[in-house]
């Protein structure tokens, strides 16, 4: 990875969206509340405070699904 993802203290008011940045050719998404970042190479998928996936996060995850482990 070209740089580390930012990680902030969760405030419980998550609101994820794309930002104008890329890491290793993947778009970066950030939480507007705490500033944490996510890309599709992560094994987790961020959700907004209401439990829903932001549309652009859902689209990115669908394009880059997480492979499941057989273990």
N, C-alpha and C. Protein backbone atom coordinates (compact mmCIF):
# COMPACT_ATOMS: atom_id res chain seq x y z
N UNK A 1 0.84 -1.17 0.00
CA UNK A 1 0.00 0.00 0.00
C UNK A 1 0.89 1.24 0.00
N UNK A 2 0.52 2.20 -0.81
CA UNK A 2 1.32 3.41 -0.95
C UNK A 2 1.36 4.24 0.33
N UNK A 3 0.29 4.21 1.09
CA UNK A 3 0.26 4.92 2.38
C UNK A 3 -0.74 4.21 3.28
N UNK A 4 -0.63 4.46 4.54
CA UNK A 4 -1.55 3.87 5.50
C UNK A 4 -2.89 4.59 5.44
N UNK A 5 -3.95 3.87 5.71
CA UNK A 5 -5.26 4.48 5.82
C UNK A 5 -5.37 5.22 7.15
N UNK A 6 -6.08 6.34 7.14
CA UNK A 6 -6.31 7.08 8.37
C UNK A 6 -7.30 6.30 9.23
N UNK A 7 -7.13 6.39 10.53
CA UNK A 7 -8.03 5.73 11.48
C UNK A 7 -8.30 6.68 12.63
N UNK A 8 -9.57 7.05 12.79
CA UNK A 8 -9.94 7.96 13.86
C UNK A 8 -10.77 7.25 14.91
N UNK A 9 -10.99 7.91 16.03
CA UNK A 9 -11.84 7.36 17.09
C UNK A 9 -13.30 7.49 16.66
N UNK A 10 -14.01 6.35 16.64
CA UNK A 10 -15.41 6.33 16.22
C UNK A 10 -16.25 7.20 17.15
N UNK A 11 -17.13 8.00 16.54
CA UNK A 11 -18.03 8.86 17.31
C UNK A 11 -19.47 8.35 17.23
N UNK A 12 -19.67 7.22 16.52
CA UNK A 12 -21.01 6.65 16.41
C UNK A 12 -21.94 7.40 15.49
N UNK A 13 -21.39 8.31 14.71
CA UNK A 13 -22.19 9.09 13.76
C UNK A 13 -21.63 8.92 12.35
N UNK A 14 -21.28 7.71 12.02
CA UNK A 14 -20.60 7.39 10.76
C UNK A 14 -21.41 7.82 9.54
N UNK A 15 -20.70 8.37 8.58
CA UNK A 15 -21.28 8.76 7.30
C UNK A 15 -20.17 8.64 6.27
N UNK A 16 -20.19 7.52 5.51
CA UNK A 16 -19.10 7.20 4.60
C UNK A 16 -19.37 7.71 3.19
N UNK A 17 -18.29 8.15 2.54
CA UNK A 17 -18.40 8.60 1.16
C UNK A 17 -17.03 8.65 0.51
N UNK A 18 -17.06 8.68 -0.82
CA UNK A 18 -15.81 8.76 -1.58
C UNK A 18 -15.17 10.13 -1.39
N UNK A 19 -13.84 10.12 -1.39
CA UNK A 19 -13.07 11.36 -1.36
C UNK A 19 -12.20 11.39 -2.60
N UNK A 20 -11.63 12.51 -2.90
CA UNK A 20 -10.82 12.67 -4.11
C UNK A 20 -9.40 12.19 -3.85
N UNK A 21 -9.26 10.86 -3.69
CA UNK A 21 -7.96 10.28 -3.41
C UNK A 21 -7.99 8.82 -3.84
N UNK A 22 -6.84 8.27 -4.13
CA UNK A 22 -6.69 6.86 -4.45
C UNK A 22 -5.45 6.32 -3.75
N UNK A 23 -5.50 5.04 -3.42
CA UNK A 23 -4.35 4.33 -2.90
C UNK A 23 -4.19 3.08 -3.75
N UNK A 24 -3.05 2.92 -4.36
CA UNK A 24 -2.79 1.77 -5.22
C UNK A 24 -3.89 1.57 -6.26
N UNK A 25 -4.38 2.66 -6.83
CA UNK A 25 -5.39 2.59 -7.88
C UNK A 25 -6.80 2.35 -7.40
N UNK A 26 -7.01 2.30 -6.09
CA UNK A 26 -8.35 2.09 -5.55
C UNK A 26 -8.85 3.39 -4.93
N UNK A 27 -10.13 3.71 -5.17
CA UNK A 27 -10.66 4.94 -4.57
C UNK A 27 -10.69 4.84 -3.04
N UNK A 28 -10.50 5.96 -2.41
CA UNK A 28 -10.53 6.04 -0.95
C UNK A 28 -11.89 6.59 -0.52
N UNK A 29 -12.45 5.98 0.51
CA UNK A 29 -13.70 6.43 1.12
C UNK A 29 -13.36 6.85 2.55
N UNK A 30 -14.04 7.87 3.04
CA UNK A 30 -13.75 8.35 4.40
C UNK A 30 -15.04 8.60 5.16
N UNK A 31 -14.94 8.45 6.46
CA UNK A 31 -16.06 8.76 7.35
C UNK A 31 -16.02 10.27 7.60
N UNK A 32 -17.13 10.92 7.33
CA UNK A 32 -17.21 12.37 7.53
C UNK A 32 -17.17 12.74 9.01
N UNK A 33 -17.42 11.78 9.89
CA UNK A 33 -17.46 12.06 11.32
C UNK A 33 -16.08 11.96 11.97
N UNK A 34 -15.38 10.84 11.76
CA UNK A 34 -14.10 10.64 12.47
C UNK A 34 -12.88 10.71 11.56
N UNK A 35 -13.08 10.69 10.24
CA UNK A 35 -11.95 10.79 9.32
C UNK A 35 -11.29 9.47 8.98
N UNK A 36 -11.81 8.35 9.51
CA UNK A 36 -11.24 7.05 9.15
C UNK A 36 -11.42 6.82 7.65
N UNK A 37 -10.53 6.04 7.08
CA UNK A 37 -10.57 5.78 5.64
C UNK A 37 -10.72 4.29 5.36
N UNK A 38 -11.18 3.99 4.15
CA UNK A 38 -11.41 2.61 3.71
C UNK A 38 -11.18 2.52 2.21
N UNK A 39 -10.62 1.38 1.78
CA UNK A 39 -10.56 1.02 0.37
C UNK A 39 -11.05 -0.41 0.24
N UNK A 40 -11.36 -0.82 -0.98
CA UNK A 40 -11.94 -2.13 -1.20
C UNK A 40 -10.98 -3.28 -0.97
N UNK A 41 -9.71 -3.01 -0.70
CA UNK A 41 -8.81 -4.12 -0.38
C UNK A 41 -8.92 -4.53 1.08
N UNK A 42 -9.70 -3.80 1.86
CA UNK A 42 -9.96 -4.16 3.26
C UNK A 42 -10.97 -5.30 3.31
N UNK A 43 -10.89 -6.15 4.32
CA UNK A 43 -11.81 -7.28 4.42
C UNK A 43 -13.14 -6.89 5.06
N UNK A 44 -13.22 -5.72 5.64
CA UNK A 44 -14.46 -5.22 6.23
C UNK A 44 -15.10 -4.20 5.30
N UNK A 45 -16.35 -3.90 5.51
CA UNK A 45 -17.06 -2.90 4.71
C UNK A 45 -17.72 -1.91 5.66
N UNK A 46 -17.44 -0.63 5.49
CA UNK A 46 -17.98 0.37 6.42
C UNK A 46 -19.48 0.59 6.23
N UNK A 47 -20.15 0.85 7.33
CA UNK A 47 -21.58 1.17 7.31
C UNK A 47 -21.80 2.52 7.99
N UNK A 48 -22.81 3.19 7.53
CA UNK A 48 -23.19 4.45 8.16
C UNK A 48 -23.79 4.19 9.53
N UNK A 49 -23.98 5.22 10.30
CA UNK A 49 -24.51 5.08 11.67
C UNK A 49 -25.88 4.41 11.69
N UNK A 50 -26.65 4.53 10.62
CA UNK A 50 -27.97 3.90 10.57
C UNK A 50 -27.91 2.43 10.15
N UNK A 51 -26.70 1.92 9.95
CA UNK A 51 -26.51 0.52 9.58
C UNK A 51 -26.51 0.27 8.08
N UNK A 52 -26.83 1.27 7.31
CA UNK A 52 -26.90 1.12 5.85
C UNK A 52 -25.54 1.37 5.21
N UNK A 53 -25.36 0.75 4.05
CA UNK A 53 -24.17 1.03 3.25
C UNK A 53 -24.43 2.28 2.42
N UNK A 54 -23.47 3.18 2.38
CA UNK A 54 -23.58 4.33 1.48
C UNK A 54 -23.60 3.78 0.05
N UNK A 55 -24.39 4.36 -0.84
CA UNK A 55 -24.48 3.84 -2.21
C UNK A 55 -23.14 3.69 -2.91
N UNK A 56 -22.25 4.65 -2.75
CA UNK A 56 -20.96 4.54 -3.43
C UNK A 56 -20.07 3.47 -2.80
N UNK A 57 -20.21 3.24 -1.50
CA UNK A 57 -19.48 2.15 -0.83
C UNK A 57 -20.02 0.81 -1.33
N UNK A 58 -21.34 0.69 -1.40
CA UNK A 58 -21.96 -0.56 -1.87
C UNK A 58 -21.54 -0.87 -3.30
N UNK A 59 -21.49 0.14 -4.15
CA UNK A 59 -21.08 -0.05 -5.53
C UNK A 59 -19.62 -0.51 -5.62
N UNK A 60 -18.77 0.11 -4.82
CA UNK A 60 -17.35 -0.27 -4.82
C UNK A 60 -17.16 -1.69 -4.30
N UNK A 61 -17.88 -2.06 -3.24
CA UNK A 61 -17.76 -3.41 -2.69
C UNK A 61 -18.28 -4.44 -3.68
N UNK A 62 -19.37 -4.13 -4.37
CA UNK A 62 -19.91 -5.06 -5.37
C UNK A 62 -18.91 -5.29 -6.51
N UNK A 63 -18.17 -4.26 -6.86
CA UNK A 63 -17.17 -4.37 -7.92
C UNK A 63 -15.93 -5.12 -7.46
N UNK A 64 -15.70 -5.13 -6.13
CA UNK A 64 -14.52 -5.77 -5.53
C UNK A 64 -14.94 -6.57 -4.31
N UNK A 65 -15.63 -7.71 -4.51
CA UNK A 65 -16.10 -8.48 -3.36
C UNK A 65 -14.95 -9.06 -2.55
N UNK A 66 -15.22 -9.30 -1.28
CA UNK A 66 -14.24 -9.90 -0.39
C UNK A 66 -14.29 -11.41 -0.62
N UNK A 67 -13.13 -12.00 -0.84
CA UNK A 67 -13.12 -13.45 -0.99
C UNK A 67 -13.25 -14.10 0.38
N UNK A 68 -14.05 -15.12 0.45
CA UNK A 68 -14.26 -15.78 1.74
C UNK A 68 -13.21 -16.87 1.96
N UNK A 69 -12.89 -17.07 3.20
CA UNK A 69 -11.91 -18.08 3.57
C UNK A 69 -12.59 -19.44 3.75
N UNK A 70 -11.94 -20.52 3.34
CA UNK A 70 -12.55 -21.84 3.54
C UNK A 70 -12.43 -22.30 5.00
N UNK A 71 -11.76 -21.55 5.84
CA UNK A 71 -11.56 -21.96 7.23
C UNK A 71 -12.61 -21.36 8.08
